[in-house]
Amino acid sequence: MSSVQEELLIAEYNALRAENLQRIDHLAAQTWHILFITGAMWAWLLSQENAVITIAYWIPLVITVLLWFNNLMTIRTIRRVSGYLKKVTDTVQLPGELGWEAYLKQHPLGHMSTWTTLFWVALIVVNALLPVYLLFIR
């Protein structure tokens, strides 16, 4: 491999790692945003003394589902880029488990996926049950 190719590969690797880190930060911020957005919407909806248009009660659920879908697509992109970065580090032939992507393949962070899924499912259930309760049971 020529020095130009090595420099290009290093620059590409660094850029992709930085993009993945930004995506991870985006996911963390999105978690707080969805909690704030749905909480604020429910606070406003529940504070209205006049009857709110029935469809308005479903808006928090729709927003939650759309952001969950965005979350899933972002995670998919992170995994795809991480797979490529692992391939790059494999090409360099680092010894043992050196290289973060190689380490993650050997020691996956499955509990993070579980907690993320539980968070989104719980949020969707709450945002689905509140309108049902307010519109049909109360």
Protein backbone atom coordinates (compact mmCIF):
# COMPACT_ATOMS: atom_id res chain seq x y z
CA MET A 1 0.00 0.00 0.00
CA SER A 2 1.42 3.38 -0.96
CA SER A 3 1.74 6.25 1.50
CA VAL A 4 -1.04 8.15 -0.31
CA GLN A 5 -3.35 5.15 0.08
CA GLU A 6 -2.44 4.85 3.76
CA GLU A 7 -3.13 8.55 4.36
CA LEU A 8 -6.46 8.28 2.54
CA LEU A 9 -7.42 5.21 4.56
CA ILE A 10 -6.51 6.90 7.85
CA ALA A 11 -8.42 10.07 6.90
CA GLU A 12 -11.45 8.01 5.87
CA TYR A 13 -11.30 5.96 9.06
CA ASN A 14 -11.09 9.08 11.24
CA ALA A 15 -13.93 10.78 9.38
CA LEU A 16 -16.22 7.74 9.64
CA ARG A 17 -15.43 7.28 13.36
CA ALA A 18 -16.23 10.97 13.95
CA GLU A 19 -19.52 10.61 12.04
CA ASN A 20 -20.47 7.56 14.12
CA LEU A 21 -19.69 9.41 17.33
CA GLN A 22 -21.94 12.26 16.16
CA ARG A 23 -24.70 9.76 15.40
CA ILE A 24 -24.37 8.29 18.89
CA ASP A 25 -24.58 11.78 20.40
CA HIS A 26 -27.65 12.41 18.23
CA LEU A 27 -29.33 9.28 19.61
CA ALA A 28 -28.70 10.38 23.19
CA ALA A 29 -30.06 13.86 22.48
CA GLN A 30 -33.06 12.40 20.68
CA THR A 31 -33.97 10.44 23.80
CA TRP A 32 -34.20 13.63 25.84
CA HIS A 33 -35.99 15.48 23.04
CA ILE A 34 -38.73 12.89 22.69
CA LEU A 35 -39.31 12.87 26.45
CA PHE A 36 -39.53 16.65 26.50
CA ILE A 37 -41.70 16.92 23.39
CA THR A 38 -44.23 14.27 24.41
CA GLY A 39 -44.24 15.46 28.02
CA ALA A 40 -44.90 19.05 26.94
CA MET A 41 -47.60 17.96 24.51
CA TRP A 42 -49.37 15.87 27.14
CA ALA A 43 -49.09 18.67 29.70
CA TRP A 44 -50.70 21.07 27.25
CA LEU A 45 -53.36 18.60 26.09
CA LEU A 46 -54.35 17.70 29.65
CA SER A 47 -54.48 21.33 30.75
CA GLN A 48 -57.08 22.28 28.16
CA GLU A 49 -60.51 22.77 29.66
CA ASN A 50 -62.22 22.92 26.29
CA ALA A 51 -62.52 19.73 24.35
CA VAL A 52 -59.43 19.27 22.23
CA ILE A 53 -59.89 17.89 18.75
CA THR A 54 -59.82 14.11 19.11
CA ILE A 55 -56.98 13.65 16.65
CA ALA A 56 -54.70 15.87 18.76
CA TYR A 57 -54.48 13.12 21.39
CA TRP A 58 -52.78 10.87 18.84
CA ILE A 59 -50.07 13.37 17.83
CA PRO A 60 -47.62 12.37 20.62
CA LEU A 61 -47.89 8.72 19.51
CA VAL A 62 -47.27 9.61 15.86
CA ILE A 63 -44.24 11.74 16.76
CA THR A 64 -42.88 8.98 19.01
CA VAL A 65 -43.23 6.32 16.30
CA LEU A 66 -41.56 8.56 13.70
CA LEU A 67 -38.63 9.33 16.00
CA TRP A 68 -38.30 5.64 16.93
CA PHE A 69 -38.08 4.82 13.23
CA ASN A 70 -35.41 7.51 12.86
CA ASN A 71 -33.61 6.00 15.85
CA LEU A 72 -33.66 2.53 14.29
CA MET A 73 -32.33 3.84 10.96
CA THR A 74 -29.54 5.73 12.75
CA ILE A 75 -28.55 2.58 14.66
CA ARG A 76 -28.57 0.64 11.40
CA THR A 77 -26.24 3.22 9.84
CA ILE A 78 -23.93 3.11 12.86
CA ARG A 79 -23.70 -0.67 12.59
CA ARG A 80 -23.03 -0.53 8.85
CA VAL A 81 -20.24 2.02 9.28
CA SER A 82 -18.82 0.07 12.24
CA GLY A 83 -18.74 -3.07 10.09
CA TYR A 84 -16.75 -1.23 7.46
CA LEU A 85 -14.38 0.19 10.07
CA LYS A 86 -13.85 -3.32 11.42
CA LYS A 87 -12.98 -4.47 7.92
CA VAL A 88 -10.44 -1.64 7.67
CA THR A 89 -8.85 -2.55 11.01
CA ASP A 90 -8.80 -6.24 9.98
CA THR A 91 -6.91 -5.23 6.84
CA VAL A 92 -4.26 -3.58 9.01
CA GLN A 93 -4.05 -6.83 10.97
CA LEU A 94 -3.99 -5.46 14.48
CA PRO A 95 -2.97 -8.09 17.05
CA GLY A 96 -5.62 -9.77 19.20
CA GLU A 97 -8.69 -7.73 20.05
CA LEU A 98 -7.12 -4.37 19.30
CA GLY A 99 -9.39 -1.99 17.42
CA TRP A 100 -12.71 -0.89 18.92
CA GLU A 101 -14.91 -2.47 16.25
CA ALA A 102 -13.09 -5.81 16.59
CA TYR A 103 -13.48 -5.61 20.36
CA LEU A 104 -17.21 -4.94 20.04
CA LYS A 105 -17.64 -7.95 17.78
CA GLN A 106 -16.11 -10.11 20.53
CA HIS A 107 -17.90 -8.31 23.42
CA PRO A 108 -21.20 -6.88 22.13
CA LEU A 109 -23.10 -4.29 24.14
CA GLY A 110 -26.39 -6.18 23.97
CA HIS A 111 -27.76 -4.63 27.15
CA MET A 112 -27.75 -1.20 25.48
CA SER A 113 -29.96 -2.50 22.68
CA THR A 114 -32.28 -4.06 25.25
CA TRP A 115 -32.62 -0.85 27.26
CA THR A 116 -33.08 1.25 24.14
CA THR A 117 -35.82 -1.06 22.90
CA LEU A 118 -37.54 -1.09 26.30
CA PHE A 119 -37.41 2.72 26.44
CA TRP A 120 -39.05 3.16 23.03
CA VAL A 121 -41.63 0.41 23.57
CA ALA A 122 -42.61 1.89 26.95
CA LEU A 123 -42.90 5.36 25.43
CA ILE A 124 -45.05 4.07 22.57
CA VAL A 125 -47.29 2.12 24.97
CA VAL A 126 -47.81 5.17 27.19
CA ASN A 127 -48.50 7.42 24.21
CA ALA A 128 -50.96 4.84 22.84
CA LEU A 129 -52.78 4.14 26.10
CA LEU A 130 -53.25 7.77 27.17
CA PRO A 131 -55.46 8.67 24.19
CA VAL A 132 -57.42 5.43 24.58
CA TYR A 133 -58.04 6.24 28.23
CA LEU A 134 -58.90 9.90 27.61
CA LEU A 135 -61.16 9.25 24.64
CA PHE A 136 -62.91 5.99 25.49
CA ILE A 137 -62.62 5.18 29.18
CA ARG A 138 -62.69 8.46 31.05
